PDB file of N, CA and C in Angstrom:
ATOM      1  N   MET A   1      29.573   9.259 -57.864  1.00  0.00           N
ATOM      2  CA  MET A   1      29.178   8.421 -56.753  1.00  0.00           C
ATOM      3  C   MET A   1      30.026   7.144 -56.783  1.00  0.00           C
ATOM      4  N   ASN A   2      30.511   6.758 -55.604  1.00  0.00           N
ATOM      5  CA  ASN A   2      31.346   5.571 -55.488  1.00  0.00           C
ATOM      6  C   ASN A   2      30.514   4.435 -54.902  1.00  0.00           C
ATOM      7  N   LEU A   3      30.061   3.522 -55.762  1.00  0.00           N
ATOM      8  CA  LEU A   3      29.202   2.422 -55.330  1.00  0.00           C
ATOM      9  C   LEU A   3      30.022   1.288 -54.730  1.00  0.00           C
ATOM     10  N   ARG A   4      29.489   0.700 -53.663  1.00  0.00           N
ATOM     11  CA  ARG A   4      30.116  -0.487 -53.078  1.00  0.00           C
ATOM     12  C   ARG A   4      29.760  -1.696 -53.935  1.00  0.00           C
ATOM     13  N   SER A   5      30.585  -2.712 -53.835  1.00  0.00           N
ATOM     14  CA  SER A   5      30.326  -3.924 -54.617  1.00  0.00           C
ATOM     15  C   SER A   5      29.147  -4.680 -54.015  1.00  0.00           C
ATOM     16  N   LEU A   6      28.551  -5.523 -54.834  1.00  0.00           N
ATOM     17  CA  LEU A   6      27.440  -6.354 -54.379  1.00  0.00           C
ATOM     18  C   LEU A   6      27.890  -7.255 -53.231  1.00  0.00           C
ATOM     19  N   GLU A   7      29.097  -7.764 -53.321  1.00  0.00           N
ATOM     20  CA  GLU A   7      29.632  -8.618 -52.253  1.00  0.00           C
ATOM     21  C   GLU A   7      29.728  -7.860 -50.937  1.00  0.00           C
ATOM     22  N   GLU A   8      30.196  -6.619 -50.985  1.00  0.00           N
ATOM     23  CA  GLU A   8      30.291  -5.802 -49.770  1.00  0.00           C
ATOM     24  C   GLU A   8      28.912  -5.540 -49.180  1.00  0.00           C
ATOM     25  N   LEU A   9      27.979  -5.217 -50.032  1.00  0.00           N
ATOM     26  CA  LEU A   9      26.617  -4.948 -49.567  1.00  0.00           C
ATOM     27  C   LEU A   9      25.992  -6.192 -48.946  1.00  0.00           C
ATOM     28  N   ARG A  10      26.184  -7.331 -49.581  1.00  0.00           N
ATOM     29  CA  ARG A  10      25.627  -8.579 -49.045  1.00  0.00           C
ATOM     30  C   ARG A  10      26.285  -8.953 -47.718  1.00  0.00           C
ATOM     31  N   GLU A  11      27.567  -8.706 -47.597  1.00  0.00           N
ATOM     32  CA  GLU A  11      28.256  -8.985 -46.333  1.00  0.00           C
ATOM     33  C   GLU A  11      27.692  -8.094 -45.224  1.00  0.00           C
ATOM     34  N   GLU A  12      27.440  -6.842 -45.527  1.00  0.00           N
ATOM     35  CA  GLU A  12      26.840  -5.950 -44.536  1.00  0.00           C
ATOM     36  C   GLU A  12      25.447  -6.444 -44.140  1.00  0.00           C
ATOM     37  N   ILE A  13      24.661  -6.864 -45.120  1.00  0.00           N
ATOM     38  CA  ILE A  13      23.327  -7.408 -44.829  1.00  0.00           C
ATOM     39  C   ILE A  13      23.447  -8.659 -43.961  1.00  0.00           C
ATOM     40  N   ASN A  14      24.408  -9.526 -44.254  1.00  0.00           N
ATOM     41  CA  ASN A  14      24.612 -10.732 -43.441  1.00  0.00           C
ATOM     42  C   ASN A  14      24.917 -10.379 -41.988  1.00  0.00           C
ATOM     43  N   GLN A  15      25.756  -9.382 -41.787  1.00  0.00           N
ATOM     44  CA  GLN A  15      26.096  -8.955 -40.428  1.00  0.00           C
ATOM     45  C   GLN A  15      24.872  -8.381 -39.713  1.00  0.00           C
ATOM     46  N   ILE A  16      24.109  -7.582 -40.409  1.00  0.00           N
ATOM     47  CA  ILE A  16      22.884  -7.018 -39.832  1.00  0.00           C
ATOM     48  C   ILE A  16      21.908  -8.137 -39.493  1.00  0.00           C
ATOM     49  N   ASP A  17      21.755  -9.100 -40.399  1.00  0.00           N
ATOM     50  CA  ASP A  17      20.842 -10.228 -40.159  1.00  0.00           C
ATOM     51  C   ASP A  17      21.251 -11.024 -38.920  1.00  0.00           C
ATOM     52  N   THR A  18      22.548 -11.218 -38.736  1.00  0.00           N
ATOM     53  CA  THR A  18      23.025 -11.942 -37.555  1.00  0.00           C
ATOM     54  C   THR A  18      22.639 -11.199 -36.282  1.00  0.00           C
ATOM     55  N   GLU A  19      22.837  -9.892 -36.280  1.00  0.00           N
ATOM     56  CA  GLU A  19      22.459  -9.081 -35.116  1.00  0.00           C
ATOM     57  C   GLU A  19      20.947  -9.110 -34.902  1.00  0.00           C
ATOM     58  N   LEU A  20      20.194  -8.966 -35.985  1.00  0.00           N
ATOM     59  CA  LEU A  20      18.732  -8.998 -35.883  1.00  0.00           C
ATOM     60  C   LEU A  20      18.234 -10.321 -35.310  1.00  0.00           C
ATOM     61  N   THR A  21      18.809 -11.416 -35.769  1.00  0.00           N
ATOM     62  CA  THR A  21      18.377 -12.730 -35.288  1.00  0.00           C
ATOM     63  C   THR A  21      18.575 -12.845 -33.783  1.00  0.00           C
ATOM     64  N   LYS A  22      19.715 -12.395 -33.288  1.00  0.00           N
ATOM     65  CA  LYS A  22      19.969 -12.431 -31.846  1.00  0.00           C
ATOM     66  C   LYS A  22      18.955 -11.571 -31.094  1.00  0.00           C
ATOM     67  N   LEU A  23      18.677 -10.395 -31.608  1.00  0.00           N
ATOM     68  CA  LEU A  23      17.734  -9.490 -30.951  1.00  0.00           C
ATOM     69  C   LEU A  23      16.306 -10.020 -31.002  1.00  0.00           C
ATOM     70  N   ILE A  24      15.922 -10.585 -32.125  1.00  0.00           N
ATOM     71  CA  ILE A  24      14.567 -11.133 -32.252  1.00  0.00           C
ATOM     72  C   ILE A  24      14.407 -12.336 -31.326  1.00  0.00           C
ATOM     73  N   GLU A  25      15.425 -13.181 -31.250  1.00  0.00           N
ATOM     74  CA  GLU A  25      15.356 -14.316 -30.331  1.00  0.00           C
ATOM     75  C   GLU A  25      15.205 -13.828 -28.888  1.00  0.00           C
ATOM     76  N   ALA A  26      15.951 -12.803 -28.511  1.00  0.00           N
ATOM     77  CA  ALA A  26      15.838 -12.239 -27.159  1.00  0.00           C
ATOM     78  C   ALA A  26      14.439 -11.686 -26.925  1.00  0.00           C
ATOM     79  N   ARG A  27      13.875 -11.058 -27.944  1.00  0.00           N
ATOM     80  CA  ARG A  27      12.511 -10.520 -27.824  1.00  0.00           C
ATOM     81  C   ARG A  27      11.506 -11.655 -27.631  1.00  0.00           C
ATOM     82  N   PHE A  28      11.672 -12.739 -28.367  1.00  0.00           N
ATOM     83  CA  PHE A  28      10.756 -13.873 -28.239  1.00  0.00           C
ATOM     84  C   PHE A  28      10.872 -14.527 -26.858  1.00  0.00           C
ATOM     85  N   LYS A  29      12.082 -14.620 -26.335  1.00  0.00           N
ATOM     86  CA  LYS A  29      12.252 -15.160 -24.984  1.00  0.00           C
ATOM     87  C   LYS A  29      11.544 -14.268 -23.964  1.00  0.00           C
ATOM     88  N   CYS A  30      11.626 -12.977 -24.173  1.00  0.00           N
ATOM     89  CA  CYS A  30      10.924 -12.037 -23.302  1.00  0.00           C
ATOM     90  C   CYS A  30       9.412 -12.220 -23.434  1.00  0.00           C
ATOM     91  N   ALA A  31       8.936 -12.506 -24.636  1.00  0.00           N
ATOM     92  CA  ALA A  31       7.500 -12.738 -24.858  1.00  0.00           C
ATOM     93  C   ALA A  31       7.009 -13.942 -24.063  1.00  0.00           C
ATOM     94  N   VAL A  32       7.863 -14.948 -23.904  1.00  0.00           N
ATOM     95  CA  VAL A  32       7.504 -16.107 -23.085  1.00  0.00           C
ATOM     96  C   VAL A  32       7.302 -15.664 -21.637  1.00  0.00           C
ATOM     97  N   GLU A  33       8.193 -14.824 -21.140  1.00  0.00           N
ATOM     98  CA  GLU A  33       8.051 -14.316 -19.777  1.00  0.00           C
ATOM     99  C   GLU A  33       6.815 -13.434 -19.637  1.00  0.00           C
ATOM    100  N   VAL A  34       6.525 -12.654 -20.670  1.00  0.00           N
ATOM    101  CA  VAL A  34       5.310 -11.833 -20.661  1.00  0.00           C
ATOM    102  C   VAL A  34       4.085 -12.733 -20.544  1.00  0.00           C
ATOM    103  N   ALA A  35       4.077 -13.832 -21.287  1.00  0.00           N
ATOM    104  CA  ALA A  35       2.952 -14.774 -21.223  1.00  0.00           C
ATOM    105  C   ALA A  35       2.787 -15.321 -19.813  1.00  0.00           C
ATOM    106  N   GLN A  36       3.889 -15.657 -19.181  1.00  0.00           N
ATOM    107  CA  GLN A  36       3.833 -16.182 -17.813  1.00  0.00           C
ATOM    108  C   GLN A  36       3.283 -15.130 -16.847  1.00  0.00           C
ATOM    109  N   TYR A  37       3.718 -13.889 -17.025  1.00  0.00           N
ATOM    110  CA  TYR A  37       3.216 -12.800 -16.182  1.00  0.00           C
ATOM    111  C   TYR A  37       1.717 -12.604 -16.403  1.00  0.00           C
ATOM    112  N   LYS A  38       1.328 -12.566 -17.674  1.00  0.00           N
ATOM    113  CA  LYS A  38      -0.087 -12.365 -17.990  1.00  0.00           C
ATOM    114  C   LYS A  38      -0.942 -13.492 -17.418  1.00  0.00           C
ATOM    115  N   GLN A  39      -0.433 -14.706 -17.485  1.00  0.00           N
ATOM    116  CA  GLN A  39      -1.186 -15.832 -16.936  1.00  0.00           C
ATOM    117  C   GLN A  39      -1.320 -15.689 -15.417  1.00  0.00           C
ATOM    118  N   ALA A  40      -0.245 -15.331 -14.762  1.00  0.00           N
ATOM    119  CA  ALA A  40      -0.257 -15.196 -13.302  1.00  0.00           C
ATOM    120  C   ALA A  40      -1.173 -14.071 -12.836  1.00  0.00           C
ATOM    121  N   HIS A  41      -1.357 -13.063 -13.684  1.00  0.00           N
ATOM    122  CA  HIS A  41      -2.172 -11.904 -13.325  1.00  0.00           C
ATOM    123  C   HIS A  41      -3.498 -11.858 -14.081  1.00  0.00           C
ATOM    124  N   ASP A  42      -3.835 -12.978 -14.724  1.00  0.00           N
ATOM    125  CA  ASP A  42      -5.110 -13.115 -15.438  1.00  0.00           C
ATOM    126  C   ASP A  42      -5.338 -11.986 -16.449  1.00  0.00           C
ATOM    127  N   LEU A  43      -4.309 -11.735 -17.260  1.00  0.00           N
ATOM    128  CA  LEU A  43      -4.380 -10.701 -18.294  1.00  0.00           C
ATOM    129  C   LEU A  43      -4.467 -11.360 -19.669  1.00  0.00           C
ATOM    130  N   PRO A  44      -5.144 -10.711 -20.618  1.00  0.00           N
ATOM    131  CA  PRO A  44      -5.236 -11.283 -21.967  1.00  0.00           C
ATOM    132  C   PRO A  44      -3.915 -11.147 -22.728  1.00  0.00           C
ATOM    133  N   VAL A  45      -3.726 -12.010 -23.703  1.00  0.00           N
ATOM    134  CA  VAL A  45      -2.532 -11.941 -24.550  1.00  0.00           C
ATOM    135  C   VAL A  45      -2.530 -10.649 -25.355  1.00  0.00           C
ATOM    136  N   PHE A  46      -3.666 -10.288 -25.922  1.00  0.00           N
ATOM    137  CA  PHE A  46      -3.753  -9.111 -26.789  1.00  0.00           C
ATOM    138  C   PHE A  46      -4.016  -7.858 -25.971  1.00  0.00           C
ATOM    139  N   ASP A  47      -3.177  -6.841 -26.175  1.00  0.00           N
ATOM    140  CA  ASP A  47      -3.324  -5.544 -25.519  1.00  0.00           C
ATOM    141  C   ASP A  47      -3.254  -4.467 -26.601  1.00  0.00           C
ATOM    142  N   GLU A  48      -4.415  -4.036 -27.046  1.00  0.00           N
ATOM    143  CA  GLU A  48      -4.500  -3.096 -28.169  1.00  0.00           C
ATOM    144  C   GLU A  48      -3.736  -1.803 -27.903  1.00  0.00           C
ATOM    145  N   LYS A  49      -3.854  -1.268 -26.697  1.00  0.00           N
ATOM    146  CA  LYS A  49      -3.156  -0.013 -26.370  1.00  0.00           C
ATOM    147  C   LYS A  49      -1.646  -0.193 -26.447  1.00  0.00           C
ATOM    148  N   ARG A  50      -1.159  -1.297 -25.914  1.00  0.00           N
ATOM    149  CA  ARG A  50       0.284  -1.566 -25.944  1.00  0.00           C
ATOM    150  C   ARG A  50       0.779  -1.679 -27.380  1.00  0.00           C
ATOM    151  N   GLU A  51       0.036  -2.368 -28.226  1.00  0.00           N
ATOM    152  CA  GLU A  51       0.457  -2.510 -29.626  1.00  0.00           C
ATOM    153  C   GLU A  51       0.509  -1.158 -30.324  1.00  0.00           C
ATOM    154  N   ALA A  52      -0.463  -0.309 -30.061  1.00  0.00           N
ATOM    155  CA  ALA A  52      -0.471   1.024 -30.672  1.00  0.00           C
ATOM    156  C   ALA A  52       0.752   1.824 -30.232  1.00  0.00           C
ATOM    157  N   ILE A  53       1.108   1.700 -28.958  1.00  0.00           N
ATOM    158  CA  ILE A  53       2.282   2.411 -28.438  1.00  0.00           C
ATOM    159  C   ILE A  53       3.560   1.899 -29.098  1.00  0.00           C
ATOM    160  N   VAL A  54       3.685   0.581 -29.210  1.00  0.00           N
ATOM    161  CA  VAL A  54       4.878  -0.014 -29.831  1.00  0.00           C
ATOM    162  C   VAL A  54       5.002   0.440 -31.280  1.00  0.00           C
ATOM    163  N   LEU A  55       3.899   0.400 -32.011  1.00  0.00           N
ATOM    164  CA  LEU A  55       3.933   0.830 -33.415  1.00  0.00           C
ATOM    165  C   LEU A  55       4.320   2.294 -33.526  1.00  0.00           C
ATOM    166  N   GLU A  56       3.685   3.145 -32.754  1.00  0.00           N
ATOM    167  CA  GLU A  56       3.958   4.581 -32.828  1.00  0.00           C
ATOM    168  C   GLU A  56       5.409   4.878 -32.462  1.00  0.00           C
ATOM    169  N   ARG A  57       5.889   4.273 -31.384  1.00  0.00           N
ATOM    170  CA  ARG A  57       7.262   4.529 -30.933  1.00  0.00           C
ATOM    171  C   ARG A  57       8.274   4.131 -32.005  1.00  0.00           C
ATOM    172  N   ASN A  58       8.084   2.979 -32.611  1.00  0.00           N
ATOM    173  CA  ASN A  58       9.064   2.503 -33.588  1.00  0.00           C
ATOM    174  C   ASN A  58       8.944   3.195 -34.938  1.00  0.00           C
ATOM    175  N   VAL A  59       7.747   3.497 -35.359  1.00  0.00           N
ATOM    176  CA  VAL A  59       7.582   4.228 -36.622  1.00  0.00           C
ATOM    177  C   VAL A  59       8.150   5.639 -36.483  1.00  0.00           C
ATOM    178  N   SER A  60       7.940   6.259 -35.339  1.00  0.00           N
ATOM    179  CA  SER A  60       8.441   7.624 -35.152  1.00  0.00           C
ATOM    180  C   SER A  60       9.965   7.667 -35.043  1.00  0.00           C
ATOM    181  N   ALA A  61      10.599   6.521 -34.785  1.00  0.00           N
ATOM    182  CA  ALA A  61      12.058   6.468 -34.688  1.00  0.00           C
ATOM    183  C   ALA A  61      12.741   6.340 -36.050  1.00  0.00           C
ATOM    184  N   VAL A  62      11.968   6.118 -37.093  1.00  0.00           N
ATOM    185  CA  VAL A  62      12.532   5.946 -38.438  1.00  0.00           C
ATOM    186  C   VAL A  62      13.040   7.291 -38.952  1.00  0.00           C
ATOM    187  N   SER A  63      14.295   7.322 -39.362  1.00  0.00           N
ATOM    188  CA  SER A  63      14.860   8.579 -39.860  1.00  0.00           C
ATOM    189  C   SER A  63      14.557   8.803 -41.341  1.00  0.00           C
ATOM    190  N   ASP A  64      14.340   7.742 -42.082  1.00  0.00           N
ATOM    191  CA  ASP A  64      14.025   7.842 -43.509  1.00  0.00           C
ATOM    192  C   ASP A  64      12.546   7.498 -43.686  1.00  0.00           C
ATOM    193  N   THR A  65      11.741   8.501 -43.916  1.00  0.00           N
ATOM    194  CA  THR A  65      10.285   8.325 -43.954  1.00  0.00           C
ATOM    195  C   THR A  65       9.821   7.366 -45.052  1.00  0.00           C
ATOM    196  N   ARG A  66      10.663   7.072 -46.019  1.00  0.00           N
ATOM    197  CA  ARG A  66      10.290   6.095 -47.053  1.00  0.00           C
ATOM    198  C   ARG A  66       9.995   4.728 -46.450  1.00  0.00           C
ATOM    199  N   PHE A  67      10.543   4.463 -45.266  1.00  0.00           N
ATOM    200  CA  PHE A  67      10.429   3.134 -44.665  1.00  0.00           C
ATOM    201  C   PHE A  67       9.389   3.052 -43.553  1.00  0.00           C
ATOM    202  N   GLU A  68       8.654   4.125 -43.310  1.00  0.00           N
ATOM    203  CA  GLU A  68       7.695   4.125 -42.202  1.00  0.00           C
ATOM    204  C   GLU A  68       6.657   3.013 -42.326  1.00  0.00           C
ATOM    205  N   ASP A  69       6.043   2.875 -43.484  1.00  0.00           N
ATOM    206  CA  ASP A  69       5.025   1.832 -43.667  1.00  0.00           C
ATOM    207  C   ASP A  69       5.628   0.438 -43.520  1.00  0.00           C
ATOM    208  N   ASP A  70       6.844   0.272 -44.004  1.00  0.00           N
ATOM    209  CA  ASP A  70       7.517  -1.024 -43.900  1.00  0.00           C
ATOM    210  C   ASP A  70       7.840  -1.357 -42.445  1.00  0.00           C
ATOM    211  N   ILE A  71       8.283  -0.367 -41.701  1.00  0.00           N
ATOM    212  CA  ILE A  71       8.569  -0.577 -40.276  1.00  0.00           C
ATOM    213  C   ILE A  71       7.280  -0.906 -39.533  1.00  0.00           C
ATOM    214  N   ARG A  72       6.208  -0.218 -39.866  1.00  0.00           N
ATOM    215  CA  ARG A  72       4.910  -0.507 -39.234  1.00  0.00           C
ATOM    216  C   ARG A  72       4.512  -1.966 -39.499  1.00  0.00           C
ATOM    217  N   ARG A  73       4.618  -2.412 -40.750  1.00  0.00           N
ATOM    218  CA  ARG A  73       4.270  -3.799 -41.094  1.00  0.00           C
ATOM    219  C   ARG A  73       5.182  -4.794 -40.388  1.00  0.00           C
ATOM    220  N   PHE A  74       6.470  -4.471 -40.337  1.00  0.00           N
ATOM    221  CA  PHE A  74       7.434  -5.346 -39.674  1.00  0.00           C
ATOM    222  C   PHE A  74       7.071  -5.521 -38.204  1.00  0.00           C
ATOM    223  N   TYR A  75       6.810  -4.423 -37.516  1.00  0.00           N
ATOM    224  CA  TYR A  75       6.484  -4.521 -36.090  1.00  0.00           C
ATOM    225  C   TYR A  75       5.127  -5.165 -35.862  1.00  0.00           C
ATOM    226  N   GLN A  76       4.194  -4.947 -36.753  1.00  0.00           N
ATOM    227  CA  GLN A  76       2.911  -5.624 -36.606  1.00  0.00           C
ATOM    228  C   GLN A  76       3.100  -7.134 -36.739  1.00  0.00           C
ATOM    229  N   SER A  77       3.899  -7.549 -37.710  1.00  0.00           N
ATOM    230  CA  SER A  77       4.190  -8.980 -37.873  1.00  0.00           C
ATOM    231  C   SER A  77       4.937  -9.533 -36.667  1.00  0.00           C
ATOM    232  N   LEU A  78       5.895  -8.781 -36.174  1.00  0.00           N
ATOM    233  CA  LEU A  78       6.660  -9.204 -35.007  1.00  0.00           C
ATOM    234  C   LEU A  78       5.752  -9.378 -33.791  1.00  0.00           C
ATOM    235  N   MET A  79       4.825  -8.457 -33.608  1.00  0.00           N
ATOM    236  CA  MET A  79       3.893  -8.569 -32.482  1.00  0.00           C
ATOM    237  C   MET A  79       2.919  -9.726 -32.681  1.00  0.00           C
ATOM    238  N   ASP A  80       2.505  -9.966 -33.912  1.00  0.00           N
ATOM    239  CA  ASP A  80       1.626 -11.114 -34.183  1.00  0.00           C
ATOM    240  C   ASP A  80       2.334 -12.425 -33.827  1.00  0.00           C
ATOM    241  N   ILE A  81       3.593 -12.531 -34.202  1.00  0.00           N
ATOM    242  CA  ILE A  81       4.366 -13.726 -33.861  1.00  0.00           C
ATOM    243  C   ILE A  81       4.538 -13.825 -32.347  1.00  0.00           C
ATOM    244  N   SER A  82       4.789 -12.706 -31.698  1.00  0.00           N
ATOM    245  CA  SER A  82       4.935 -12.706 -30.236  1.00  0.00           C
ATOM    246  C   SER A  82       3.653 -13.167 -29.553  1.00  0.00           C
ATOM    247  N   LYS A  83       2.515 -12.746 -30.078  1.00  0.00           N
ATOM    248  CA  LYS A  83       1.236 -13.207 -29.512  1.00  0.00           C
ATOM    249  C   LYS A  83       1.077 -14.711 -29.713  1.00  0.00           C
ATOM    250  N   ASP A  84       1.486 -15.213 -30.874  1.00  0.00           N
ATOM    251  CA  ASP A  84       1.435 -16.661 -31.114  1.00  0.00           C
ATOM    252  C   ASP A  84       2.326 -17.403 -30.117  1.00  0.00           C
ATOM    253  N   ILE A  85       3.508 -16.878 -29.881  1.00  0.00           N
ATOM    254  CA  ILE A  85       4.429 -17.487 -28.915  1.00  0.00           C
ATOM    255  C   ILE A  85       3.801 -17.490 -27.525  1.00  0.00           C
ATOM    256  N   GLN A  86       3.172 -16.379 -27.155  1.00  0.00           N
ATOM    257  CA  GLN A  86       2.524 -16.307 -25.843  1.00  0.00           C
ATOM    258  C   GLN A  86       1.397 -17.330 -25.735  1.00  0.00           C
ATOM    259  N   ARG A  87       0.595 -17.438 -26.775  1.00  0.00           N
ATOM    260  CA  ARG A  87      -0.508 -18.410 -26.757  1.00  0.00           C
ATOM    261  C   ARG A  87       0.026 -19.836 -26.643  1.00  0.00           C
ATOM    262  N   GLN A  88       1.077 -20.130 -27.393  1.00  0.00           N
ATOM    263  CA  GLN A  88       1.688 -21.466 -27.323  1.00  0.00           C
ATOM    264  C   GLN A  88       2.221 -21.741 -25.922  1.00  0.00           C
ATOM    265  N   GLU A  89       2.829 -20.752 -25.317  1.00  0.00           N
ATOM    266  CA  GLU A  89       3.359 -20.903 -23.962  1.00  0.00           C
ATOM    267  C   GLU A  89       2.227 -21.175 -22.976  1.00  0.00           C
ATOM    268  N   LEU A  90       1.136 -20.459 -23.122  1.00  0.00           N
ATOM    269  CA  LEU A  90       0.004 -20.650 -22.212  1.00  0.00           C
ATOM    270  C   LEU A  90      -0.628 -22.029 -22.397  1.00  0.00           C
ATOM    271  N   GLN A  91      -0.709 -22.498 -23.633  1.00  0.00           N
ATOM    272  CA  GLN A  91      -1.260 -23.834 -23.891  1.00  0.00           C
ATOM    273  C   GLN A  91      -0.343 -24.920 -23.345  1.00  0.00           C
ATOM    274  N   ALA A  92       0.948 -24.706 -23.437  1.00  0.00           N
ATOM    275  CA  ALA A  92       1.913 -25.701 -22.957  1.00  0.00           C
ATOM    276  C   ALA A  92       1.855 -25.836 -21.440  1.00  0.00           C
ATOM    277  N   GLU A  93       1.471 -24.763 -20.766  1.00  0.00           N
ATOM    278  CA  GLU A  93       1.420 -24.785 -19.301  1.00  0.00           C
ATOM    279  C   GLU A  93       0.114 -25.360 -18.773  1.00  0.00           C
ATOM    280  N   GLU A  94      -0.862 -25.584 -19.642  1.00  0.00           N
ATOM    281  CA  GLU A  94      -2.156 -26.130 -19.191  1.00  0.00           C
ATOM    282  C   GLU A  94      -2.076 -27.600 -18.910  1.00  0.00           C
TER     283      GLU A  94
END
């Protein structure tokens, strides 16, 4: 087996982190718009059915089953943060 150096692996992680940060920021900006839509249509921040769908869709997309539980936790945390962002947005508009 030909192992990559620690420096190479860390550089790859850095590149992935940069991409993830951009995508997560875009997701959070979208969450602000979701909050505005929900406010305009008198909808609650928490949507249990939607969260279940998001979790199932993303967990089922994992090709390496060793990471399924980790992906589930990651998306649950991401959705919790998104709900916090939505709540903050709604409070700021009051």
